[in-house]
Amino acid sequence: MIANGFYASVSTGAVTLRVEIDDAMLRFEVSDQGRGMDREIAAKACEPFFTTKPAGQGLGLGLYLARTLAERLGGGLGIDSTPGVGTTVRFWLKPLVIIKT
């Protein structure tokens, strides 16, 4: 998700990662200021072997595998994207172990 954000962003665009944990969920949020995706592309983004990258520069498995892992661990993956503005990908799962300090 982070690598996708850097790929999609212009050289001056920021990519941010936010992580939250509580007793119920572990949440990751990656936001970029890239070219964004329209609804049709965002809907396909988690399908296996779907990529918007040129041939040979991506397998199109990253978001598919992330979503599959999250769902198997009781969570999910969501995408919010606006063309010309950027994309936010949210990944959440139930933590296997909670360590409090």
PDB file of N, CA and C in Angstrom:
ATOM      1  N   MET A   1       0.824  -1.179   0.000  1.00  0.00           N
ATOM      2  CA  MET A   1       0.000   0.000   0.000  1.00  0.00           C
ATOM      3  C   MET A   1       0.873   1.248   0.000  1.00  0.00           C
ATOM      4  N   ILE A   2       1.936   1.241   0.792  1.00  0.00           N
ATOM      5  CA  ILE A   2       2.813   2.405   0.850  1.00  0.00           C
ATOM      6  C   ILE A   2       3.545   2.582  -0.478  1.00  0.00           C
ATOM      7  N   ALA A   3       4.055   1.490  -1.028  1.00  0.00           N
ATOM      8  CA  ALA A   3       4.754   1.570  -2.314  1.00  0.00           C
ATOM      9  C   ALA A   3       3.817   2.071  -3.409  1.00  0.00           C
ATOM     10  N   ASN A   4       2.564   1.625  -3.392  1.00  0.00           N
ATOM     11  CA  ASN A   4       1.577   2.110  -4.364  1.00  0.00           C
ATOM     12  C   ASN A   4       1.376   3.611  -4.220  1.00  0.00           C
ATOM     13  N   GLY A   5       1.340   4.096  -2.984  1.00  0.00           N
ATOM     14  CA  GLY A   5       1.178   5.522  -2.747  1.00  0.00           C
ATOM     15  C   GLY A   5       2.314   6.338  -3.328  1.00  0.00           C
ATOM     16  N   PHE A   6       3.541   5.853  -3.131  1.00  0.00           N
ATOM     17  CA  PHE A   6       4.692   6.563  -3.699  1.00  0.00           C
ATOM     18  C   PHE A   6       4.673   6.500  -5.223  1.00  0.00           C
ATOM     19  N   TYR A   7       4.278   5.371  -5.766  1.00  0.00           N
ATOM     20  CA  TYR A   7       4.220   5.234  -7.221  1.00  0.00           C
ATOM     21  C   TYR A   7       3.217   6.224  -7.818  1.00  0.00           C
ATOM     22  N   ALA A   8       2.085   6.376  -7.152  1.00  0.00           N
ATOM     23  CA  ALA A   8       1.007   7.217  -7.687  1.00  0.00           C
ATOM     24  C   ALA A   8       1.242   8.707  -7.467  1.00  0.00           C
ATOM     25  N   SER A   9       2.078   9.052  -6.497  1.00  0.00           N
ATOM     26  CA  SER A   9       2.265  10.455  -6.146  1.00  0.00           C
ATOM     27  C   SER A   9       3.324  11.123  -7.014  1.00  0.00           C
ATOM     28  N   VAL A  10       3.123  12.411  -7.202  1.00  0.00           N
ATOM     29  CA  VAL A  10       4.150  13.206  -7.853  1.00  0.00           C
ATOM     30  C   VAL A  10       5.317  13.343  -6.877  1.00  0.00           C
ATOM     31  N   SER A  11       6.468  13.725  -7.363  1.00  0.00           N
ATOM     32  CA  SER A  11       7.661  13.752  -6.519  1.00  0.00           C
ATOM     33  C   SER A  11       7.517  14.667  -5.303  1.00  0.00           C
ATOM     34  N   THR A  12       6.669  15.690  -5.381  1.00  0.00           N
ATOM     35  CA  THR A  12       6.492  16.589  -4.244  1.00  0.00           C
ATOM     36  C   THR A  12       5.304  16.206  -3.372  1.00  0.00           C
ATOM     37  N   GLY A  13       4.554  15.192  -3.756  1.00  0.00           N
ATOM     38  CA  GLY A  13       3.377  14.778  -3.000  1.00  0.00           C
ATOM     39  C   GLY A  13       3.746  13.951  -1.787  1.00  0.00           C
ATOM     40  N   ALA A  14       3.016  14.140  -0.722  1.00  0.00           N
ATOM     41  CA  ALA A  14       3.262  13.398   0.511  1.00  0.00           C
ATOM     42  C   ALA A  14       2.491  12.082   0.514  1.00  0.00           C
ATOM     43  N   VAL A  15       3.072  11.083   1.145  1.00  0.00           N
ATOM     44  CA  VAL A  15       2.400   9.811   1.425  1.00  0.00           C
ATOM     45  C   VAL A  15       2.427   9.665   2.936  1.00  0.00           C
ATOM     46  N   THR A  16       1.256   9.484   3.537  1.00  0.00           N
ATOM     47  CA  THR A  16       1.201   9.382   4.991  1.00  0.00           C
ATOM     48  C   THR A  16       0.701   7.999   5.406  1.00  0.00           C
ATOM     49  N   LEU A  17       1.219   7.544   6.530  1.00  0.00           N
ATOM     50  CA  LEU A  17       0.815   6.280   7.133  1.00  0.00           C
ATOM     51  C   LEU A  17       0.337   6.574   8.540  1.00  0.00           C
ATOM     52  N   ARG A  18      -0.862   6.114   8.844  1.00  0.00           N
ATOM     53  CA  ARG A  18      -1.409   6.249  10.187  1.00  0.00           C
ATOM     54  C   ARG A  18      -1.727   4.859  10.710  1.00  0.00           C
ATOM     55  N   VAL A  19      -1.342   4.588  11.946  1.00  0.00           N
ATOM     56  CA  VAL A  19      -1.578   3.280  12.564  1.00  0.00           C
ATOM     57  C   VAL A  19      -2.285   3.510  13.895  1.00  0.00           C
ATOM     58  N   GLU A  20      -3.341   2.745  14.127  1.00  0.00           N
ATOM     59  CA  GLU A  20      -4.075   2.809  15.384  1.00  0.00           C
ATOM     60  C   GLU A  20      -4.299   1.388  15.885  1.00  0.00           C
ATOM     61  N   ILE A  21      -4.270   1.231  17.188  1.00  0.00           N
ATOM     62  CA  ILE A  21      -4.575  -0.075  17.774  1.00  0.00           C
ATOM     63  C   ILE A  21      -5.429   0.140  19.020  1.00  0.00           C
ATOM     64  N   ASP A  22      -6.391  -0.717  19.193  1.00  0.00           N
ATOM     65  CA  ASP A  22      -7.174  -0.754  20.418  1.00  0.00           C
ATOM     66  C   ASP A  22      -7.480  -2.215  20.708  1.00  0.00           C
ATOM     67  N   ASP A  23      -8.339  -2.473  21.667  1.00  0.00           N
ATOM     68  CA  ASP A  23      -8.639  -3.854  22.029  1.00  0.00           C
ATOM     69  C   ASP A  23      -9.330  -4.632  20.925  1.00  0.00           C
ATOM     70  N   ALA A  24      -9.968  -3.940  19.990  1.00  0.00           N
ATOM     71  CA  ALA A  24     -10.768  -4.621  18.974  1.00  0.00           C
ATOM     72  C   ALA A  24     -10.089  -4.721  17.615  1.00  0.00           C
ATOM     73  N   MET A  25      -9.332  -3.712  17.212  1.00  0.00           N
ATOM     74  CA  MET A  25      -8.796  -3.686  15.849  1.00  0.00           C
ATOM     75  C   MET A  25      -7.417  -3.046  15.780  1.00  0.00           C
ATOM     76  N   LEU A  26      -6.687  -3.469  14.775  1.00  0.00           N
ATOM     77  CA  LEU A  26      -5.440  -2.846  14.359  1.00  0.00           C
ATOM     78  C   LEU A  26      -5.736  -2.220  13.012  1.00  0.00           C
ATOM     79  N   ARG A  27      -5.510  -0.894  12.898  1.00  0.00           N
ATOM     80  CA  ARG A  27      -5.883  -0.170  11.684  1.00  0.00           C
ATOM     81  C   ARG A  27      -4.672   0.518  11.060  1.00  0.00           C
ATOM     82  N   PHE A  28      -4.568   0.407   9.747  1.00  0.00           N
ATOM     83  CA  PHE A  28      -3.550   1.104   8.972  1.00  0.00           C
ATOM     84  C   PHE A  28      -4.267   1.959   7.940  1.00  0.00           C
ATOM     85  N   GLU A  29      -3.776   3.163   7.743  1.00  0.00           N
ATOM     86  CA  GLU A  29      -4.337   4.042   6.730  1.00  0.00           C
ATOM     87  C   GLU A  29      -3.175   4.672   5.957  1.00  0.00           C
ATOM     88  N   VAL A  30      -3.168   4.495   4.643  1.00  0.00           N
ATOM     89  CA  VAL A  30      -2.147   5.084   3.782  1.00  0.00           C
ATOM     90  C   VAL A  30      -2.848   6.054   2.841  1.00  0.00           C
ATOM     91  N   SER A  31      -2.384   7.301   2.845  1.00  0.00           N
ATOM     92  CA  SER A  31      -2.968   8.330   1.984  1.00  0.00           C
ATOM     93  C   SER A  31      -1.879   8.916   1.094  1.00  0.00           C
ATOM     94  N   ASP A  32      -2.230   9.162  -0.163  1.00  0.00           N
ATOM     95  CA  ASP A  32      -1.289   9.802  -1.076  1.00  0.00           C
ATOM     96  C   ASP A  32      -1.961  11.004  -1.731  1.00  0.00           C
ATOM     97  N   GLN A  33      -1.155  11.789  -2.390  1.00  0.00           N
ATOM     98  CA  GLN A  33      -1.641  12.955  -3.132  1.00  0.00           C
ATOM     99  C   GLN A  33      -1.395  12.718  -4.619  1.00  0.00           C
ATOM    100  N   GLY A  34      -1.651  11.491  -5.039  1.00  0.00           N
ATOM    101  CA  GLY A  34      -1.393  11.088  -6.417  1.00  0.00           C
ATOM    102  C   GLY A  34      -2.534  11.416  -7.348  1.00  0.00           C
ATOM    103  N   ARG A  35      -2.551  10.700  -8.442  1.00  0.00           N
ATOM    104  CA  ARG A  35      -3.533  10.991  -9.494  1.00  0.00           C
ATOM    105  C   ARG A  35      -4.929  10.487  -9.157  1.00  0.00           C
ATOM    106  N   GLY A  36      -5.088   9.656  -8.143  1.00  0.00           N
ATOM    107  CA  GLY A  36      -6.392   9.147  -7.749  1.00  0.00           C
ATOM    108  C   GLY A  36      -6.952   8.158  -8.767  1.00  0.00           C
ATOM    109  N   MET A  37      -8.085   7.595  -8.435  1.00  0.00           N
ATOM    110  CA  MET A  37      -8.750   6.612  -9.295  1.00  0.00           C
ATOM    111  C   MET A  37     -10.217   6.976  -9.407  1.00  0.00           C
ATOM    112  N   ASP A  38     -10.799   6.723 -10.573  1.00  0.00           N
ATOM    113  CA  ASP A  38     -12.245   6.901 -10.678  1.00  0.00           C
ATOM    114  C   ASP A  38     -12.924   5.693 -10.025  1.00  0.00           C
ATOM    115  N   ARG A  39     -14.247   5.725  -9.905  1.00  0.00           N
ATOM    116  CA  ARG A  39     -14.978   4.646  -9.210  1.00  0.00           C
ATOM    117  C   ARG A  39     -14.772   3.287  -9.856  1.00  0.00           C
ATOM    118  N   GLU A  40     -14.745   3.255 -11.167  1.00  0.00           N
ATOM    119  CA  GLU A  40     -14.583   1.986 -11.884  1.00  0.00           C
ATOM    120  C   GLU A  40     -13.227   1.343 -11.580  1.00  0.00           C
ATOM    121  N   ILE A  41     -12.178   2.115 -11.625  1.00  0.00           N
ATOM    122  CA  ILE A  41     -10.849   1.573 -11.345  1.00  0.00           C
ATOM    123  C   ILE A  41     -10.726   1.204  -9.868  1.00  0.00           C
ATOM    124  N   ALA A  42     -11.212   2.058  -8.965  1.00  0.00           N
ATOM    125  CA  ALA A  42     -11.148   1.759  -7.530  1.00  0.00           C
ATOM    126  C   ALA A  42     -11.892   0.466  -7.204  1.00  0.00           C
ATOM    127  N   ALA A  43     -13.002   0.213  -7.894  1.00  0.00           N
ATOM    128  CA  ALA A  43     -13.768  -1.012  -7.666  1.00  0.00           C
ATOM    129  C   ALA A  43     -12.998  -2.255  -8.100  1.00  0.00           C
ATOM    130  N   LYS A  44     -12.127  -2.124  -9.089  1.00  0.00           N
ATOM    131  CA  LYS A  44     -11.339  -3.248  -9.590  1.00  0.00           C
ATOM    132  C   LYS A  44      -9.984  -3.392  -8.907  1.00  0.00           C
ATOM    133  N   ALA A  45      -9.566  -2.386  -8.144  1.00  0.00           N
ATOM    134  CA  ALA A  45      -8.201  -2.324  -7.622  1.00  0.00           C
ATOM    135  C   ALA A  45      -7.795  -3.528  -6.780  1.00  0.00           C
ATOM    136  N   CYS A  46      -8.736  -4.190  -6.140  1.00  0.00           N
ATOM    137  CA  CYS A  46      -8.411  -5.340  -5.288  1.00  0.00           C
ATOM    138  C   CYS A  46      -8.595  -6.682  -5.997  1.00  0.00           C
ATOM    139  N   GLU A  47      -8.914  -6.650  -7.277  1.00  0.00           N
ATOM    140  CA  GLU A  47      -9.027  -7.899  -8.032  1.00  0.00           C
ATOM    141  C   GLU A  47      -7.630  -8.425  -8.343  1.00  0.00           C
ATOM    142  N   PRO A  48      -7.461  -9.752  -8.317  1.00  0.00           N
ATOM    143  CA  PRO A  48      -6.140 -10.304  -8.619  1.00  0.00           C
ATOM    144  C   PRO A  48      -5.708  -9.974 -10.046  1.00  0.00           C
ATOM    145  N   PHE A  49      -4.449  -9.590 -10.169  1.00  0.00           N
ATOM    146  CA  PHE A  49      -3.780  -9.281 -11.440  1.00  0.00           C
ATOM    147  C   PHE A  49      -4.276  -7.999 -12.093  1.00  0.00           C
ATOM    148  N   PHE A  50      -5.012  -7.159 -11.341  1.00  0.00           N
ATOM    149  CA  PHE A  50      -5.416  -5.862 -11.887  1.00  0.00           C
ATOM    150  C   PHE A  50      -4.357  -4.833 -11.520  1.00  0.00           C
ATOM    151  N   THR A  51      -3.844  -4.126 -12.498  1.00  0.00           N
ATOM    152  CA  THR A  51      -2.876  -3.062 -12.254  1.00  0.00           C
ATOM    153  C   THR A  51      -3.066  -1.948 -13.270  1.00  0.00           C
ATOM    154  N   THR A  52      -2.738  -0.749 -12.846  1.00  0.00           N
ATOM    155  CA  THR A  52      -2.740   0.392 -13.758  1.00  0.00           C
ATOM    156  C   THR A  52      -1.317   0.739 -14.194  1.00  0.00           C
ATOM    157  N   LYS A  53      -0.352  -0.024 -13.693  1.00  0.00           N
ATOM    158  CA  LYS A  53       1.048   0.216 -14.033  1.00  0.00           C
ATOM    159  C   LYS A  53       1.357  -0.358 -15.423  1.00  0.00           C
ATOM    160  N   PRO A  54       2.393   0.173 -16.057  1.00  0.00           N
ATOM    161  CA  PRO A  54       2.805  -0.381 -17.356  1.00  0.00           C
ATOM    162  C   PRO A  54       3.226  -1.850 -17.223  1.00  0.00           C
ATOM    163  N   ALA A  55       3.118  -2.586 -18.315  1.00  0.00           N
ATOM    164  CA  ALA A  55       3.498  -4.010 -18.320  1.00  0.00           C
ATOM    165  C   ALA A  55       4.907  -4.179 -17.750  1.00  0.00           C
ATOM    166  N   GLY A  56       5.060  -5.171 -16.900  1.00  0.00           N
ATOM    167  CA  GLY A  56       6.350  -5.480 -16.305  1.00  0.00           C
ATOM    168  C   GLY A  56       6.689  -4.691 -15.061  1.00  0.00           C
ATOM    169  N   GLN A  57       5.813  -3.770 -14.644  1.00  0.00           N
ATOM    170  CA  GLN A  57       6.110  -2.956 -13.460  1.00  0.00           C
ATOM    171  C   GLN A  57       5.217  -3.271 -12.267  1.00  0.00           C
ATOM    172  N   GLY A  58       4.386  -4.251 -12.384  1.00  0.00           N
ATOM    173  CA  GLY A  58       3.536  -4.627 -11.271  1.00  0.00           C
ATOM    174  C   GLY A  58       2.731  -5.860 -11.618  1.00  0.00           C
ATOM    175  N   LEU A  59       2.533  -6.723 -10.632  1.00  0.00           N
ATOM    176  CA  LEU A  59       1.765  -7.949 -10.860  1.00  0.00           C
ATOM    177  C   LEU A  59       0.272  -7.755 -10.620  1.00  0.00           C
ATOM    178  N   GLY A  60      -0.091  -6.699  -9.908  1.00  0.00           N
ATOM    179  CA  GLY A  60      -1.503  -6.496  -9.602  1.00  0.00           C
ATOM    180  C   GLY A  60      -1.998  -7.415  -8.503  1.00  0.00           C
ATOM    181  N   LEU A  61      -1.110  -7.754  -7.567  1.00  0.00           N
ATOM    182  CA  LEU A  61      -1.498  -8.659  -6.487  1.00  0.00           C
ATOM    183  C   LEU A  61      -1.460  -8.009  -5.110  1.00  0.00           C
ATOM    184  N   GLY A  62      -0.839  -6.849  -4.972  1.00  0.00           N
ATOM    185  CA  GLY A  62      -0.640  -6.244  -3.660  1.00  0.00           C
ATOM    186  C   GLY A  62      -1.918  -5.995  -2.891  1.00  0.00           C
ATOM    187  N   LEU A  63      -2.839  -5.245  -3.458  1.00  0.00           N
ATOM    188  CA  LEU A  63      -4.086  -4.947  -2.762  1.00  0.00           C
ATOM    189  C   LEU A  63      -4.961  -6.189  -2.613  1.00  0.00           C
ATOM    190  N   TYR A  64      -4.928  -7.064  -3.602  1.00  0.00           N
ATOM    191  CA  TYR A  64      -5.682  -8.326  -3.504  1.00  0.00           C
ATOM    192  C   TYR A  64      -5.199  -9.143  -2.310  1.00  0.00           C
ATOM    193  N   LEU A  65      -3.880  -9.289  -2.172  1.00  0.00           N
ATOM    194  CA  LEU A  65      -3.330 -10.074  -1.066  1.00  0.00           C
ATOM    195  C   LEU A  65      -3.574  -9.395   0.278  1.00  0.00           C
ATOM    196  N   ALA A  66      -3.451  -8.068   0.318  1.00  0.00           N
ATOM    197  CA  ALA A  66      -3.715  -7.340   1.563  1.00  0.00           C
ATOM    198  C   ALA A  66      -5.172  -7.518   1.996  1.00  0.00           C
ATOM    199  N   ARG A  67      -6.100  -7.393   1.039  1.00  0.00           N
ATOM    200  CA  ARG A  67      -7.520  -7.569   1.369  1.00  0.00           C
ATOM    201  C   ARG A  67      -7.810  -8.999   1.826  1.00  0.00           C
ATOM    202  N   THR A  68      -7.241  -9.975   1.135  1.00  0.00           N
ATOM    203  CA  THR A  68      -7.451 -11.376   1.492  1.00  0.00           C
ATOM    204  C   THR A  68      -6.931 -11.665   2.897  1.00  0.00           C
ATOM    205  N   LEU A  69      -5.737 -11.175   3.215  1.00  0.00           N
ATOM    206  CA  LEU A  69      -5.164 -11.368   4.557  1.00  0.00           C
ATOM    207  C   LEU A  69      -6.055 -10.712   5.608  1.00  0.00           C
ATOM    208  N   ALA A  70      -6.439  -9.468   5.358  1.00  0.00           N
ATOM    209  CA  ALA A  70      -7.275  -8.758   6.332  1.00  0.00           C
ATOM    210  C   ALA A  70      -8.581  -9.508   6.584  1.00  0.00           C
ATOM    211  N   GLU A  71      -9.231  -9.955   5.525  1.00  0.00           N
ATOM    212  CA  GLU A  71     -10.505 -10.657   5.685  1.00  0.00           C
ATOM    213  C   GLU A  71     -10.337 -11.970   6.443  1.00  0.00           C
ATOM    214  N   ARG A  72      -9.241 -12.668   6.212  1.00  0.00           N
ATOM    215  CA  ARG A  72      -9.002 -13.931   6.937  1.00  0.00           C
ATOM    216  C   ARG A  72      -8.716 -13.692   8.413  1.00  0.00           C
ATOM    217  N   LEU A  73      -8.285 -12.463   8.751  1.00  0.00           N
ATOM    218  CA  LEU A  73      -8.007 -12.129  10.143  1.00  0.00           C
ATOM    219  C   LEU A  73      -9.109 -11.264  10.745  1.00  0.00           C
ATOM    220  N   GLY A  74     -10.303 -11.336  10.169  1.00  0.00           N
ATOM    221  CA  GLY A  74     -11.461 -10.662  10.739  1.00  0.00           C
ATOM    222  C   GLY A  74     -11.554  -9.181  10.444  1.00  0.00           C
ATOM    223  N   GLY A  75     -10.880  -8.717   9.407  1.00  0.00           N
ATOM    224  CA  GLY A  75     -10.908  -7.297   9.083  1.00  0.00           C
ATOM    225  C   GLY A  75     -11.338  -7.043   7.661  1.00  0.00           C
ATOM    226  N   GLY A  76     -10.709  -6.061   7.034  1.00  0.00           N
ATOM    227  CA  GLY A  76     -11.056  -5.722   5.661  1.00  0.00           C
ATOM    228  C   GLY A  76     -10.139  -4.661   5.097  1.00  0.00           C
ATOM    229  N   LEU A  77     -10.456  -4.226   3.901  1.00  0.00           N
ATOM    230  CA  LEU A  77      -9.692  -3.201   3.209  1.00  0.00           C
ATOM    231  C   LEU A  77     -10.673  -2.324   2.447  1.00  0.00           C
ATOM    232  N   GLY A  78     -10.505  -1.021   2.565  1.00  0.00           N
ATOM    233  CA  GLY A  78     -11.369  -0.080   1.871  1.00  0.00           C
ATOM    234  C   GLY A  78     -10.555   0.970   1.145  1.00  0.00           C
ATOM    235  N   ILE A  79     -11.080   1.467   0.048  1.00  0.00           N
ATOM    236  CA  ILE A  79     -10.402   2.471  -0.766  1.00  0.00           C
ATOM    237  C   ILE A  79     -11.311   3.674  -0.965  1.00  0.00           C
ATOM    238  N   ASP A  80     -10.777   4.864  -0.677  1.00  0.00           N
ATOM    239  CA  ASP A  80     -11.434   6.126  -1.004  1.00  0.00           C
ATOM    240  C   ASP A  80     -10.497   6.851  -1.952  1.00  0.00           C
ATOM    241  N   SER A  81     -10.990   7.229  -3.113  1.00  0.00           N
ATOM    242  CA  SER A  81     -10.126   7.860  -4.098  1.00  0.00           C
ATOM    243  C   SER A  81     -10.884   8.904  -4.901  1.00  0.00           C
ATOM    244  N   THR A  82     -10.185   9.985  -5.222  1.00  0.00           N
ATOM    245  CA  THR A  82     -10.744  11.045  -6.053  1.00  0.00           C
ATOM    246  C   THR A  82      -9.735  11.367  -7.150  1.00  0.00           C
ATOM    247  N   PRO A  83     -10.149  11.249  -8.417  1.00  0.00           N
ATOM    248  CA  PRO A  83      -9.224  11.575  -9.498  1.00  0.00           C
ATOM    249  C   PRO A  83      -8.652  12.990  -9.349  1.00  0.00           C
ATOM    250  N   GLY A  84      -7.348  13.096  -9.522  1.00  0.00           N
ATOM    251  CA  GLY A  84      -6.663  14.376  -9.429  1.00  0.00           C
ATOM    252  C   GLY A  84      -6.369  14.848  -8.020  1.00  0.00           C
ATOM    253  N   VAL A  85      -6.841  14.106  -7.007  1.00  0.00           N
ATOM    254  CA  VAL A  85      -6.651  14.517  -5.612  1.00  0.00           C
ATOM    255  C   VAL A  85      -5.791  13.512  -4.853  1.00  0.00           C
ATOM    256  N   GLY A  86      -6.106  12.226  -4.977  1.00  0.00           N
ATOM    257  CA  GLY A  86      -5.338  11.198  -4.274  1.00  0.00           C
ATOM    258  C   GLY A  86      -6.213  10.051  -3.804  1.00  0.00           C
ATOM    259  N   THR A  87      -5.569   9.158  -3.072  1.00  0.00           N
ATOM    260  CA  THR A  87      -6.215   7.920  -2.634  1.00  0.00           C
ATOM    261  C   THR A  87      -5.879   7.647  -1.179  1.00  0.00           C
ATOM    262  N   THR A  88      -6.851   7.132  -0.442  1.00  0.00           N
ATOM    263  CA  THR A  88      -6.634   6.636   0.915  1.00  0.00           C
ATOM    264  C   THR A  88      -7.071   5.178   0.944  1.00  0.00           C
ATOM    265  N   VAL A  89      -6.168   4.325   1.413  1.00  0.00           N
ATOM    266  CA  VAL A  89      -6.466   2.902   1.581  1.00  0.00           C
ATOM    267  C   VAL A  89      -6.459   2.602   3.066  1.00  0.00           C
ATOM    268  N   ARG A  90      -7.540   1.994   3.545  1.00  0.00           N
ATOM    269  CA  ARG A  90      -7.650   1.604   4.954  1.00  0.00           C
ATOM    270  C   ARG A  90      -7.636   0.088   5.044  1.00  0.00           C
ATOM    271  N   PHE A  91      -6.812  -0.428   5.948  1.00  0.00           N
ATOM    272  CA  PHE A  91      -6.610  -1.863   6.151  1.00  0.00           C
ATOM    273  C   PHE A  91      -6.793  -2.103   7.639  1.00  0.00           C
ATOM    274  N   TRP A  92      -7.686  -2.996   8.010  1.00  0.00           N
ATOM    275  CA  TRP A  92      -7.899  -3.259   9.424  1.00  0.00           C
ATOM    276  C   TRP A  92      -8.032  -4.753   9.656  1.00  0.00           C
ATOM    277  N   LEU A  93      -7.629  -5.163  10.876  1.00  0.00           N
ATOM    278  CA  LEU A  93      -7.743  -6.569  11.250  1.00  0.00           C
ATOM    279  C   LEU A  93      -7.791  -6.691  12.753  1.00  0.00           C
ATOM    280  N   LYS A  94      -8.286  -7.829  13.183  1.00  0.00           N
ATOM    281  CA  LYS A  94      -8.313  -8.108  14.614  1.00  0.00           C
ATOM    282  C   LYS A  94      -6.903  -8.520  15.020  1.00  0.00           C
ATOM    283  N   PRO A  95      -6.339  -7.856  16.017  1.00  0.00           N
ATOM    284  CA  PRO A  95      -4.981  -8.224  16.431  1.00  0.00           C
ATOM    285  C   PRO A  95      -4.959  -9.616  17.036  1.00  0.00           C
ATOM    286  N   LEU A  96      -3.893 -10.338  16.737  1.00  0.00           N
ATOM    287  CA  LEU A  96      -3.742 -11.674  17.298  1.00  0.00           C
ATOM    288  C   LEU A  96      -3.332 -11.618  18.758  1.00  0.00           C
ATOM    289  N   VAL A  97      -2.537 -10.621  19.099  1.00  0.00           N
ATOM    290  CA  VAL A  97      -2.061 -10.448  20.462  1.00  0.00           C
ATOM    291  C   VAL A  97      -2.026  -8.947  20.747  1.00  0.00           C
ATOM    292  N   ILE A  98      -2.495  -8.543  21.906  1.00  0.00           N
ATOM    293  CA  ILE A  98      -2.419  -7.148  22.311  1.00  0.00           C
ATOM    294  C   ILE A  98      -1.347  -7.053  23.390  1.00  0.00           C
ATOM    295  N   ILE A  99      -0.372  -6.202  23.170  1.00  0.00           N
ATOM    296  CA  ILE A  99       0.673  -5.980  24.165  1.00  0.00           C
ATOM    297  C   ILE A  99       0.541  -4.546  24.636  1.00  0.00           C
ATOM    298  N   LYS A 100       0.274  -4.378  25.896  1.00  0.00           N
ATOM    299  CA  LYS A 100       0.154  -3.029  26.463  1.00  0.00           C
ATOM    300  C   LYS A 100       1.358  -2.772  27.356  1.00  0.00           C
ATOM    301  N   THR A 101       1.896  -1.580  27.210  1.00  0.00           N
ATOM    302  CA  THR A 101       3.048  -1.228  28.032  1.00  0.00           C
ATOM    303  C   THR A 101       2.682  -0.164  29.025  1.00  0.00           C
TER     304      THR A 101
END
